[in-house]
């Protein structure tokens, strides 16, 4: 008799906890994936408040411009290897598209 009494008291408590959890999980799964990709426009990262100059987007721009000159380089190479960035800036830094991204490494700053 007592076991039945305990079961009658516990079942509503369990249901009261499980139903909202299941509904919350269902809503989270039905919402779809969030857009987490960084969107760049030149050297600027686009966000809801406007463009922000970021090193990530600057490095992507360096790789993009280098590829336009026929260089076989990926975005990841420029992001992960600082010497690749320096070399590309020294080679193609005169290009107007890289004035903001290459700054200190551009050939205009060399003294001969």
PDB file of N, CA and C in Angstrom:
ATOM      1  N   UNK A   1       0.810  -1.193   0.000  1.00  0.00           N
ATOM      2  CA  UNK A   1       0.000   0.000   0.000  1.00  0.00           C
ATOM      3  C   UNK A   1       0.858   1.265   0.000  1.00  0.00           C
ATOM      4  N   UNK A   2       1.940   1.212   0.766  1.00  0.00           N
ATOM      5  CA  UNK A   2       2.770   2.407   0.854  1.00  0.00           C
ATOM      6  C   UNK A   2       3.533   2.666  -0.438  1.00  0.00           C
ATOM      7  N   UNK A   3       3.947   1.616  -1.143  1.00  0.00           N
ATOM      8  CA  UNK A   3       4.671   1.793  -2.399  1.00  0.00           C
ATOM      9  C   UNK A   3       3.783   2.501  -3.411  1.00  0.00           C
ATOM     10  N   UNK A   4       2.543   2.146  -3.475  1.00  0.00           N
ATOM     11  CA  UNK A   4       1.615   2.783  -4.396  1.00  0.00           C
ATOM     12  C   UNK A   4       1.446   4.261  -4.037  1.00  0.00           C
ATOM     13  N   UNK A   5       1.405   4.558  -2.784  1.00  0.00           N
ATOM     14  CA  UNK A   5       1.269   5.931  -2.309  1.00  0.00           C
ATOM     15  C   UNK A   5       2.471   6.779  -2.740  1.00  0.00           C
ATOM     16  N   UNK A   6       3.673   6.228  -2.597  1.00  0.00           N
ATOM     17  CA  UNK A   6       4.895   6.943  -2.983  1.00  0.00           C
ATOM     18  C   UNK A   6       4.916   7.164  -4.490  1.00  0.00           C
ATOM     19  N   UNK A   7       4.545   6.165  -5.249  1.00  0.00           N
ATOM     20  CA  UNK A   7       4.525   6.266  -6.705  1.00  0.00           C
ATOM     21  C   UNK A   7       3.554   7.342  -7.159  1.00  0.00           C
ATOM     22  N   UNK A   8       2.430   7.442  -6.514  1.00  0.00           N
ATOM     23  CA  UNK A   8       1.445   8.452  -6.886  1.00  0.00           C
ATOM     24  C   UNK A   8       1.969   9.853  -6.602  1.00  0.00           C
ATOM     25  N   UNK A   9       2.816   9.998  -5.593  1.00  0.00           N
ATOM     26  CA  UNK A   9       3.352  11.320  -5.278  1.00  0.00           C
ATOM     27  C   UNK A   9       4.545  11.674  -6.171  1.00  0.00           C
ATOM     28  N   UNK A  10       5.355  10.694  -6.553  1.00  0.00           N
ATOM     29  CA  UNK A  10       6.573  10.944  -7.325  1.00  0.00           C
ATOM     30  C   UNK A  10       6.269  11.164  -8.802  1.00  0.00           C
ATOM     31  N   UNK A  11       5.313  10.461  -9.360  1.00  0.00           N
ATOM     32  CA  UNK A  11       5.016  10.544 -10.784  1.00  0.00           C
ATOM     33  C   UNK A  11       4.693  11.969 -11.232  1.00  0.00           C
ATOM     34  N   UNK A  12       3.830  12.726 -10.556  1.00  0.00           N
ATOM     35  CA  UNK A  12       3.579  14.098 -11.001  1.00  0.00           C
ATOM     36  C   UNK A  12       4.826  14.979 -10.917  1.00  0.00           C
ATOM     37  N   UNK A  13       5.682  14.737  -9.940  1.00  0.00           N
ATOM     38  CA  UNK A  13       6.906  15.534  -9.813  1.00  0.00           C
ATOM     39  C   UNK A  13       7.825  15.262 -10.995  1.00  0.00           C
ATOM     40  N   UNK A  14       7.996  13.986 -11.347  1.00  0.00           N
ATOM     41  CA  UNK A  14       8.842  13.633 -12.488  1.00  0.00           C
ATOM     42  C   UNK A  14       8.285  14.198 -13.783  1.00  0.00           C
ATOM     43  N   UNK A  15       6.986  14.065 -13.977  1.00  0.00           N
ATOM     44  CA  UNK A  15       6.370  14.607 -15.183  1.00  0.00           C
ATOM     45  C   UNK A  15       6.505  16.124 -15.232  1.00  0.00           C
ATOM     46  N   UNK A  16       6.367  16.747 -14.090  1.00  0.00           N
ATOM     47  CA  UNK A  16       6.502  18.200 -14.028  1.00  0.00           C
ATOM     48  C   UNK A  16       7.899  18.667 -14.404  1.00  0.00           C
ATOM     49  N   UNK A  17       8.908  17.848 -14.179  1.00  0.00           N
ATOM     50  CA  UNK A  17      10.280  18.210 -14.531  1.00  0.00           C
ATOM     51  C   UNK A  17      10.635  17.792 -15.954  1.00  0.00           C
ATOM     52  N   UNK A  18      10.132  16.658 -16.396  1.00  0.00           N
ATOM     53  CA  UNK A  18      10.506  16.135 -17.707  1.00  0.00           C
ATOM     54  C   UNK A  18       9.810  16.842 -18.862  1.00  0.00           C
ATOM     55  N   UNK A  19       8.567  17.206 -18.689  1.00  0.00           N
ATOM     56  CA  UNK A  19       7.820  17.830 -19.781  1.00  0.00           C
ATOM     57  C   UNK A  19       8.453  19.158 -20.203  1.00  0.00           C
ATOM     58  N   UNK A  20       8.764  20.089 -19.296  1.00  0.00           N
ATOM     59  CA  UNK A  20       9.410  21.334 -19.737  1.00  0.00           C
ATOM     60  C   UNK A  20      10.790  21.097 -20.355  1.00  0.00           C
ATOM     61  N   UNK A  21      11.532  20.125 -19.818  1.00  0.00           N
ATOM     62  CA  UNK A  21      12.848  19.821 -20.386  1.00  0.00           C
ATOM     63  C   UNK A  21      12.709  19.307 -21.815  1.00  0.00           C
ATOM     64  N   UNK A  22      11.753  18.439 -22.049  1.00  0.00           N
ATOM     65  CA  UNK A  22      11.537  17.897 -23.396  1.00  0.00           C
ATOM     66  C   UNK A  22      11.073  18.989 -24.354  1.00  0.00           C
ATOM     67  N   UNK A  23      10.199  19.865 -23.896  1.00  0.00           N
ATOM     68  CA  UNK A  23       9.745  20.971 -24.739  1.00  0.00           C
ATOM     69  C   UNK A  23      10.892  21.911 -25.079  1.00  0.00           C
ATOM     70  N   UNK A  24      11.721  22.200 -24.093  1.00  0.00           N
ATOM     71  CA  UNK A  24      12.874  23.071 -24.332  1.00  0.00           C
ATOM     72  C   UNK A  24      13.837  22.469 -25.334  1.00  0.00           C
ATOM     73  N   UNK A  25      14.089  21.187 -25.224  1.00  0.00           N
ATOM     74  CA  UNK A  25      14.964  20.498 -26.167  1.00  0.00           C
ATOM     75  C   UNK A  25      14.351  20.516 -27.564  1.00  0.00           C
ATOM     76  N   UNK A  26      13.065  20.303 -27.650  1.00  0.00           N
ATOM     77  CA  UNK A  26      12.392  20.327 -28.948  1.00  0.00           C
ATOM     78  C   UNK A  26      12.474  21.693 -29.604  1.00  0.00           C
ATOM     79  N   UNK A  27      12.296  22.747 -28.837  1.00  0.00           N
ATOM     80  CA  UNK A  27      12.402  24.098 -29.384  1.00  0.00           C
ATOM     81  C   UNK A  27      13.821  24.402 -29.827  1.00  0.00           C
ATOM     82  N   UNK A  28      14.800  23.981 -29.053  1.00  0.00           N
ATOM     83  CA  UNK A  28      16.196  24.236 -29.398  1.00  0.00           C
ATOM     84  C   UNK A  28      16.573  23.531 -30.696  1.00  0.00           C
ATOM     85  N   UNK A  29      16.104  22.318 -30.881  1.00  0.00           N
ATOM     86  CA  UNK A  29      16.430  21.572 -32.092  1.00  0.00           C
ATOM     87  C   UNK A  29      15.682  22.096 -33.306  1.00  0.00           C
ATOM     88  N   UNK A  30      14.488  22.603 -33.126  1.00  0.00           N
ATOM     89  CA  UNK A  30      13.704  23.078 -34.259  1.00  0.00           C
ATOM     90  C   UNK A  30      14.114  24.475 -34.708  1.00  0.00           C
ATOM     91  N   UNK A  31      14.856  25.191 -33.886  1.00  0.00           N
ATOM     92  CA  UNK A  31      15.258  26.548 -34.241  1.00  0.00           C
ATOM     93  C   UNK A  31      16.261  26.561 -35.383  1.00  0.00           C
ATOM     94  N   UNK A  32      17.014  25.478 -35.577  1.00  0.00           N
ATOM     95  CA  UNK A  32      17.991  25.405 -36.653  1.00  0.00           C
ATOM     96  C   UNK A  32      19.344  25.905 -36.186  1.00  0.00           C
ATOM     97  N   UNK A  33      20.355  25.701 -37.012  1.00  0.00           N
ATOM     98  CA  UNK A  33      21.708  26.096 -36.625  1.00  0.00           C
ATOM     99  C   UNK A  33      21.880  27.615 -36.686  1.00  0.00           C
ATOM    100  N   UNK A  34      22.699  28.122 -35.794  1.00  0.00           N
ATOM    101  CA  UNK A  34      22.995  29.555 -35.786  1.00  0.00           C
ATOM    102  C   UNK A  34      24.054  29.846 -36.840  1.00  0.00           C
ATOM    103  N   UNK A  35      23.997  31.015 -37.410  1.00  0.00           N
ATOM    104  CA  UNK A  35      24.987  31.447 -38.395  1.00  0.00           C
ATOM    105  C   UNK A  35      26.206  31.955 -37.648  1.00  0.00           C
ATOM    106  N   UNK A  36      27.279  31.157 -37.650  1.00  0.00           N
ATOM    107  CA  UNK A  36      28.466  31.505 -36.871  1.00  0.00           C
ATOM    108  C   UNK A  36      29.647  31.893 -37.754  1.00  0.00           C
ATOM    109  N   UNK A  37      29.453  31.979 -39.033  1.00  0.00           N
ATOM    110  CA  UNK A  37      30.540  32.283 -39.951  1.00  0.00           C
ATOM    111  C   UNK A  37      30.847  33.775 -39.930  1.00  0.00           C
ATOM    112  N   UNK A  38      32.135  34.117 -39.927  1.00  0.00           N
ATOM    113  CA  UNK A  38      32.548  35.520 -39.975  1.00  0.00           C
ATOM    114  C   UNK A  38      32.395  35.999 -41.417  1.00  0.00           C
ATOM    115  N   UNK A  39      31.747  37.139 -41.588  1.00  0.00           N
ATOM    116  CA  UNK A  39      31.546  37.701 -42.920  1.00  0.00           C
ATOM    117  C   UNK A  39      32.461  38.908 -43.079  1.00  0.00           C
ATOM    118  N   UNK A  40      33.316  38.855 -44.088  1.00  0.00           N
ATOM    119  CA  UNK A  40      34.274  39.929 -44.325  1.00  0.00           C
ATOM    120  C   UNK A  40      33.921  40.683 -45.596  1.00  0.00           C
ATOM    121  N   UNK A  41      34.178  41.978 -45.574  1.00  0.00           N
ATOM    122  CA  UNK A  41      34.076  42.835 -46.742  1.00  0.00           C
ATOM    123  C   UNK A  41      35.398  43.577 -46.826  1.00  0.00           C
ATOM    124  N   UNK A  42      36.321  43.054 -47.630  1.00  0.00           N
ATOM    125  CA  UNK A  42      37.677  43.606 -47.645  1.00  0.00           C
ATOM    126  C   UNK A  42      38.349  43.289 -46.324  1.00  0.00           C
ATOM    127  N   UNK A  43      38.896  44.309 -45.666  1.00  0.00           N
ATOM    128  CA  UNK A  43      39.565  44.080 -44.377  1.00  0.00           C
ATOM    129  C   UNK A  43      38.613  44.269 -43.203  1.00  0.00           C
ATOM    130  N   UNK A  44      37.344  44.480 -43.503  1.00  0.00           N
ATOM    131  CA  UNK A  44      36.369  44.754 -42.453  1.00  0.00           C
ATOM    132  C   UNK A  44      35.453  43.562 -42.202  1.00  0.00           C
ATOM    133  N   UNK A  45      35.211  43.274 -40.926  1.00  0.00           N
ATOM    134  CA  UNK A  45      34.248  42.246 -40.532  1.00  0.00           C
ATOM    135  C   UNK A  45      32.888  42.909 -40.407  1.00  0.00           C
ATOM    136  N   UNK A  46      31.883  42.317 -41.046  1.00  0.00           N
ATOM    137  CA  UNK A  46      30.534  42.863 -40.991  1.00  0.00           C
ATOM    138  C   UNK A  46      29.812  42.313 -39.768  1.00  0.00           C
ATOM    139  N   UNK A  47      29.236  43.197 -38.979  1.00  0.00           N
ATOM    140  CA  UNK A  47      28.396  42.761 -37.866  1.00  0.00           C
ATOM    141  C   UNK A  47      27.180  43.663 -37.803  1.00  0.00           C
ATOM    142  N   UNK A  48      26.319  43.441 -36.827  1.00  0.00           N
ATOM    143  CA  UNK A  48      25.047  44.171 -36.781  1.00  0.00           C
ATOM    144  C   UNK A  48      25.230  45.664 -36.529  1.00  0.00           C
ATOM    145  N   UNK A  49      26.375  46.069 -35.956  1.00  0.00           N
ATOM    146  CA  UNK A  49      26.609  47.483 -35.661  1.00  0.00           C
ATOM    147  C   UNK A  49      27.398  48.198 -36.737  1.00  0.00           C
ATOM    148  N   UNK A  50      27.847  47.478 -37.746  1.00  0.00           N
ATOM    149  CA  UNK A  50      28.624  48.079 -38.822  1.00  0.00           C
ATOM    150  C   UNK A  50      29.958  47.377 -38.990  1.00  0.00           C
ATOM    151  N   UNK A  51      30.771  47.868 -39.927  1.00  0.00           N
ATOM    152  CA  UNK A  51      32.053  47.206 -40.193  1.00  0.00           C
ATOM    153  C   UNK A  51      33.097  47.494 -39.112  1.00  0.00           C
ATOM    154  N   UNK A  52      33.922  46.468 -38.833  1.00  0.00           N
ATOM    155  CA  UNK A  52      35.022  46.584 -37.871  1.00  0.00           C
ATOM    156  C   UNK A  52      36.269  46.027 -38.546  1.00  0.00           C
ATOM    157  N   UNK A  53      37.377  46.762 -38.511  1.00  0.00           N
ATOM    158  CA  UNK A  53      38.640  46.267 -39.064  1.00  0.00           C
ATOM    159  C   UNK A  53      39.193  45.197 -38.132  1.00  0.00           C
ATOM    160  N   UNK A  54      39.397  43.985 -38.652  1.00  0.00           N
ATOM    161  CA  UNK A  54      39.922  42.887 -37.837  1.00  0.00           C
ATOM    162  C   UNK A  54      41.107  42.242 -38.545  1.00  0.00           C
ATOM    163  N   UNK A  55      42.072  41.721 -37.781  1.00  0.00           N
ATOM    164  CA  UNK A  55      43.209  41.021 -38.395  1.00  0.00           C
ATOM    165  C   UNK A  55      42.771  39.798 -39.203  1.00  0.00           C
ATOM    166  N   UNK A  56      41.730  39.119 -38.753  1.00  0.00           N
ATOM    167  CA  UNK A  56      41.238  37.936 -39.471  1.00  0.00           C
ATOM    168  C   UNK A  56      40.836  38.303 -40.895  1.00  0.00           C
ATOM    169  N   UNK A  57      40.036  39.345 -41.044  1.00  0.00           N
ATOM    170  CA  UNK A  57      39.582  39.750 -42.377  1.00  0.00           C
ATOM    171  C   UNK A  57      40.728  40.334 -43.200  1.00  0.00           C
ATOM    172  N   UNK A  58      41.660  41.019 -42.544  1.00  0.00           N
ATOM    173  CA  UNK A  58      42.822  41.553 -43.253  1.00  0.00           C
ATOM    174  C   UNK A  58      43.645  40.414 -43.849  1.00  0.00           C
ATOM    175  N   UNK A  59      43.835  39.346 -43.093  1.00  0.00           N
ATOM    176  CA  UNK A  59      44.599  38.199 -43.588  1.00  0.00           C
ATOM    177  C   UNK A  59      43.864  37.493 -44.724  1.00  0.00           C
ATOM    178  N   UNK A  60      42.557  37.428 -44.639  1.00  0.00           N
ATOM    179  CA  UNK A  60      41.788  36.838 -45.746  1.00  0.00           C
ATOM    180  C   UNK A  60      41.941  37.682 -47.004  1.00  0.00           C
ATOM    181  N   UNK A  61      41.965  38.990 -46.845  1.00  0.00           N
ATOM    182  CA  UNK A  61      42.126  39.884 -47.993  1.00  0.00           C
ATOM    183  C   UNK A  61      43.513  39.716 -48.611  1.00  0.00           C
ATOM    184  N   UNK A  62      44.537  39.554 -47.783  1.00  0.00           N
ATOM    185  CA  UNK A  62      45.893  39.327 -48.296  1.00  0.00           C
ATOM    186  C   UNK A  62      45.911  38.058 -49.140  1.00  0.00           C
ATOM    187  N   UNK A  63      45.324  36.992 -48.643  1.00  0.00           N
ATOM    188  CA  UNK A  63      45.285  35.728 -49.385  1.00  0.00           C
ATOM    189  C   UNK A  63      44.487  35.878 -50.681  1.00  0.00           C
ATOM    190  N   UNK A  64      43.382  36.593 -50.634  1.00  0.00           N
ATOM    191  CA  UNK A  64      42.540  36.768 -51.822  1.00  0.00           C
ATOM    192  C   UNK A  64      43.277  37.545 -52.909  1.00  0.00           C
ATOM    193  N   UNK A  65      43.953  38.636 -52.517  1.00  0.00           N
ATOM    194  CA  UNK A  65      44.690  39.447 -53.488  1.00  0.00           C
ATOM    195  C   UNK A  65      45.870  38.650 -54.053  1.00  0.00           C
ATOM    196  N   UNK A  66      46.565  37.906 -53.198  1.00  0.00           N
ATOM    197  CA  UNK A  66      47.691  37.090 -53.671  1.00  0.00           C
ATOM    198  C   UNK A  66      47.209  36.044 -54.675  1.00  0.00           C
ATOM    199  N   UNK A  67      46.051  35.447 -54.420  1.00  0.00           N
ATOM    200  CA  UNK A  67      45.497  34.476 -55.376  1.00  0.00           C
ATOM    201  C   UNK A  67      45.146  35.144 -56.701  1.00  0.00           C
ATOM    202  N   UNK A  68      44.728  36.417 -56.659  1.00  0.00           N
ATOM    203  CA  UNK A  68      44.406  37.117 -57.905  1.00  0.00           C
ATOM    204  C   UNK A  68      45.653  37.344 -58.757  1.00  0.00           C
ATOM    205  N   UNK A  69      46.836  37.336 -58.140  1.00  0.00           N
ATOM    206  CA  UNK A  69      48.101  37.443 -58.867  1.00  0.00           C
ATOM    207  C   UNK A  69      48.646  36.075 -59.271  1.00  0.00           C
ATOM    208  N   UNK A  70      47.948  34.998 -58.950  1.00  0.00           N
ATOM    209  CA  UNK A  70      48.369  33.665 -59.335  1.00  0.00           C
ATOM    210  C   UNK A  70      49.086  32.893 -58.243  1.00  0.00           C
ATOM    211  N   UNK A  71      49.205  33.465 -57.069  1.00  0.00           N
ATOM    212  CA  UNK A  71      49.850  32.788 -55.935  1.00  0.00           C
ATOM    213  C   UNK A  71      48.947  31.654 -55.453  1.00  0.00           C
ATOM    214  N   UNK A  72      49.545  30.503 -55.186  1.00  0.00           N
ATOM    215  CA  UNK A  72      48.771  29.362 -54.668  1.00  0.00           C
ATOM    216  C   UNK A  72      48.869  29.377 -53.147  1.00  0.00           C
ATOM    217  N   UNK A  73      47.954  30.080 -52.515  1.00  0.00           N
ATOM    218  CA  UNK A  73      47.958  30.222 -51.055  1.00  0.00           C
ATOM    219  C   UNK A  73      46.520  30.134 -50.550  1.00  0.00           C
ATOM    220  N   UNK A  74      46.353  29.532 -49.388  1.00  0.00           N
ATOM    221  CA  UNK A  74      45.016  29.422 -48.796  1.00  0.00           C
ATOM    222  C   UNK A  74      44.872  30.442 -47.669  1.00  0.00           C
ATOM    223  N   UNK A  75      43.632  30.692 -47.284  1.00  0.00           N
ATOM    224  CA  UNK A  75      43.377  31.586 -46.149  1.00  0.00           C
ATOM    225  C   UNK A  75      44.039  31.042 -44.892  1.00  0.00           C
ATOM    226  N   UNK A  76      43.959  29.733 -44.696  1.00  0.00           N
ATOM    227  CA  UNK A  76      44.521  29.112 -43.489  1.00  0.00           C
ATOM    228  C   UNK A  76      46.030  29.296 -43.417  1.00  0.00           C
ATOM    229  N   UNK A  77      46.726  29.242 -44.558  1.00  0.00           N
ATOM    230  CA  UNK A  77      48.177  29.452 -44.548  1.00  0.00           C
ATOM    231  C   UNK A  77      48.523  30.843 -44.044  1.00  0.00           C
ATOM    232  N   UNK A  78      47.790  31.830 -44.502  1.00  0.00           N
ATOM    233  CA  UNK A  78      48.064  33.210 -44.080  1.00  0.00           C
ATOM    234  C   UNK A  78      47.697  33.400 -42.615  1.00  0.00           C
ATOM    235  N   UNK A  79      46.599  32.787 -42.168  1.00  0.00           N
ATOM    236  CA  UNK A  79      46.189  32.900 -40.764  1.00  0.00           C
ATOM    237  C   UNK A  79      47.197  32.244 -39.827  1.00  0.00           C
ATOM    238  N   UNK A  80      47.739  31.096 -40.223  1.00  0.00           N
ATOM    239  CA  UNK A  80      48.558  30.288 -39.317  1.00  0.00           C
ATOM    240  C   UNK A  80      50.057  30.504 -39.438  1.00  0.00           C
ATOM    241  N   UNK A  81      50.522  31.150 -40.491  1.00  0.00           N
ATOM    242  CA  UNK A  81      51.952  31.335 -40.688  1.00  0.00           C
ATOM    243  C   UNK A  81      52.261  32.816 -40.901  1.00  0.00           C
ATOM    244  N   UNK A  82      52.790  33.499 -39.884  1.00  0.00           N
ATOM    245  CA  UNK A  82      53.066  34.932 -40.009  1.00  0.00           C
ATOM    246  C   UNK A  82      54.071  35.260 -41.113  1.00  0.00           C
ATOM    247  N   UNK A  83      55.016  34.362 -41.385  1.00  0.00           N
ATOM    248  CA  UNK A  83      56.003  34.636 -42.427  1.00  0.00           C
ATOM    249  C   UNK A  83      55.379  34.615 -43.819  1.00  0.00           C
ATOM    250  N   UNK A  84      54.351  33.815 -44.005  1.00  0.00           N
ATOM    251  CA  UNK A  84      53.630  33.824 -45.281  1.00  0.00           C
ATOM    252  C   UNK A  84      52.973  35.180 -45.485  1.00  0.00           C
ATOM    253  N   UNK A  85      52.395  35.710 -44.435  1.00  0.00           N
ATOM    254  CA  UNK A  85      51.762  37.032 -44.505  1.00  0.00           C
ATOM    255  C   UNK A  85      52.792  38.099 -44.855  1.00  0.00           C
ATOM    256  N   UNK A  86      53.957  38.061 -44.204  1.00  0.00           N
ATOM    257  CA  UNK A  86      55.012  39.045 -44.468  1.00  0.00           C
ATOM    258  C   UNK A  86      55.479  38.930 -45.914  1.00  0.00           C
ATOM    259  N   UNK A  87      55.730  37.710 -46.378  1.00  0.00           N
ATOM    260  CA  UNK A  87      56.217  37.501 -47.747  1.00  0.00           C
ATOM    261  C   UNK A  87      55.210  38.022 -48.772  1.00  0.00           C
ATOM    262  N   UNK A  88      53.926  37.711 -48.569  1.00  0.00           N
ATOM    263  CA  UNK A  88      52.907  38.171 -49.513  1.00  0.00           C
ATOM    264  C   UNK A  88      52.778  39.687 -49.491  1.00  0.00           C
ATOM    265  N   UNK A  89      52.879  40.273 -48.317  1.00  0.00           N
ATOM    266  CA  UNK A  89      52.796  41.732 -48.230  1.00  0.00           C
ATOM    267  C   UNK A  89      53.994  42.392 -48.906  1.00  0.00           C
ATOM    268  N   UNK A  90      55.165  41.776 -48.781  1.00  0.00           N
ATOM    269  CA  UNK A  90      56.341  42.338 -49.440  1.00  0.00           C
ATOM    270  C   UNK A  90      56.239  42.216 -50.955  1.00  0.00           C
ATOM    271  N   UNK A  91      55.637  41.138 -51.432  1.00  0.00           N
ATOM    272  CA  UNK A  91      55.494  40.944 -52.877  1.00  0.00           C
ATOM    273  C   UNK A  91      54.394  41.812 -53.480  1.00  0.00           C
ATOM    274  N   UNK A  92      53.247  41.852 -52.830  1.00  0.00           N
ATOM    275  CA  UNK A  92      52.064  42.483 -53.418  1.00  0.00           C
ATOM    276  C   UNK A  92      51.569  43.697 -52.638  1.00  0.00           C
ATOM    277  N   UNK A  93      52.378  44.212 -51.724  1.00  0.00           N
ATOM    278  CA  UNK A  93      51.950  45.317 -50.862  1.00  0.00           C
ATOM    279  C   UNK A  93      51.687  46.621 -51.583  1.00  0.00           C
ATOM    280  N   UNK A  94      52.183  46.757 -52.834  1.00  0.00           N
ATOM    281  CA  UNK A  94      51.923  47.987 -53.591  1.00  0.00           C
ATOM    282  C   UNK A  94      50.495  48.048 -54.116  1.00  0.00           C
ATOM    283  N   UNK A  95      49.808  46.941 -54.110  1.00  0.00           N
ATOM    284  CA  UNK A  95      48.419  46.900 -54.570  1.00  0.00           C
ATOM    285  C   UNK A  95      47.553  47.721 -53.614  1.00  0.00           C
ATOM    286  N   UNK A  96      46.724  48.578 -54.170  1.00  0.00           N
ATOM    287  CA  UNK A  96      45.882  49.454 -53.334  1.00  0.00           C
ATOM    288  C   UNK A  96      44.944  48.681 -52.421  1.00  0.00           C
ATOM    289  N   UNK A  97      44.566  47.477 -52.807  1.00  0.00           N
ATOM    290  CA  UNK A  97      43.665  46.679 -51.978  1.00  0.00           C
ATOM    291  C   UNK A  97      44.326  46.233 -50.680  1.00  0.00           C
ATOM    292  N   UNK A  98      45.663  46.284 -50.610  1.00  0.00           N
ATOM    293  CA  UNK A  98      46.381  45.812 -49.423  1.00  0.00           C
ATOM    294  C   UNK A  98      46.967  46.940 -48.585  1.00  0.00           C
ATOM    295  N   UNK A  99      46.642  48.175 -48.882  1.00  0.00           N
ATOM    296  CA  UNK A  99      47.211  49.293 -48.113  1.00  0.00           C
ATOM    297  C   UNK A  99      46.855  49.198 -46.633  1.00  0.00           C
ATOM    298  N   UNK A 100      45.639  48.839 -46.308  1.00  0.00           N
ATOM    299  CA  UNK A 100      45.251  48.727 -44.907  1.00  0.00           C
ATOM    300  C   UNK A 100      45.673  47.421 -44.269  1.00  0.00           C
ATOM    301  N   UNK A 101      45.759  46.364 -45.059  1.00  0.00           N
ATOM    302  CA  UNK A 101      46.062  45.043 -44.508  1.00  0.00           C
ATOM    303  C   UNK A 101      47.554  44.823 -44.292  1.00  0.00           C
ATOM    304  N   UNK A 102      48.377  45.405 -45.147  1.00  0.00           N
ATOM    305  CA  UNK A 102      49.810  45.127 -45.053  1.00  0.00           C
ATOM    306  C   UNK A 102      50.580  46.195 -44.290  1.00  0.00           C
ATOM    307  N   UNK A 103      50.030  47.351 -44.137  1.00  0.00           N
ATOM    308  CA  UNK A 103      50.640  48.407 -43.335  1.00  0.00           C
ATOM    309  C   UNK A 103      52.149  48.420 -43.278  1.00  0.00           C
ATOM    310  N   UNK A 104      52.734  47.883 -42.215  1.00  0.00           N
ATOM    311  CA  UNK A 104      54.167  47.973 -41.946  1.00  0.00           C
ATOM    312  C   UNK A 104      55.011  47.148 -42.907  1.00  0.00           C
ATOM    313  N   UNK A 105      54.431  46.174 -43.573  1.00  0.00           N
ATOM    314  CA  UNK A 105      55.221  45.291 -44.434  1.00  0.00           C
ATOM    315  C   UNK A 105      55.231  45.724 -45.891  1.00  0.00           C
ATOM    316  N   UNK A 106      54.569  46.804 -46.225  1.00  0.00           N
ATOM    317  CA  UNK A 106      54.479  47.182 -47.628  1.00  0.00           C
ATOM    318  C   UNK A 106      55.827  47.715 -48.123  1.00  0.00           C
ATOM    319  N   UNK A 107      56.133  47.522 -49.411  1.00  0.00           N
ATOM    320  CA  UNK A 107      57.412  47.988 -49.962  1.00  0.00           C
ATOM    321  C   UNK A 107      57.587  49.500 -49.875  1.00  0.00           C
ATOM    322  N   UNK A 108      56.498  50.248 -49.714  1.00  0.00           N
ATOM    323  CA  UNK A 108      56.609  51.706 -49.590  1.00  0.00           C
ATOM    324  C   UNK A 108      57.383  52.105 -48.341  1.00  0.00           C
ATOM    325  N   UNK A 109      57.438  51.242 -47.350  1.00  0.00           N
ATOM    326  CA  UNK A 109      58.089  51.567 -46.082  1.00  0.00           C
ATOM    327  C   UNK A 109      59.557  51.156 -46.030  1.00  0.00           C
ATOM    328  N   UNK A 110      60.092  50.588 -47.109  1.00  0.00           N
ATOM    329  CA  UNK A 110      61.491  50.162 -47.110  1.00  0.00           C
ATOM    330  C   UNK A 110      62.399  51.365 -47.301  1.00  0.00           C
ATOM    331  N   UNK A 111      63.548  51.309 -46.686  1.00  0.00           N
ATOM    332  CA  UNK A 111      64.575  52.331 -46.920  1.00  0.00           C
ATOM    333  C   UNK A 111      65.752  51.651 -47.597  1.00  0.00           C
ATOM    334  N   UNK A 112      66.138  52.174 -48.737  1.00  0.00           N
ATOM    335  CA  UNK A 112      67.266  51.577 -49.464  1.00  0.00           C
ATOM    336  C   UNK A 112      68.481  52.446 -49.354  1.00  0.00           C
TER     337      UNK A 112
END
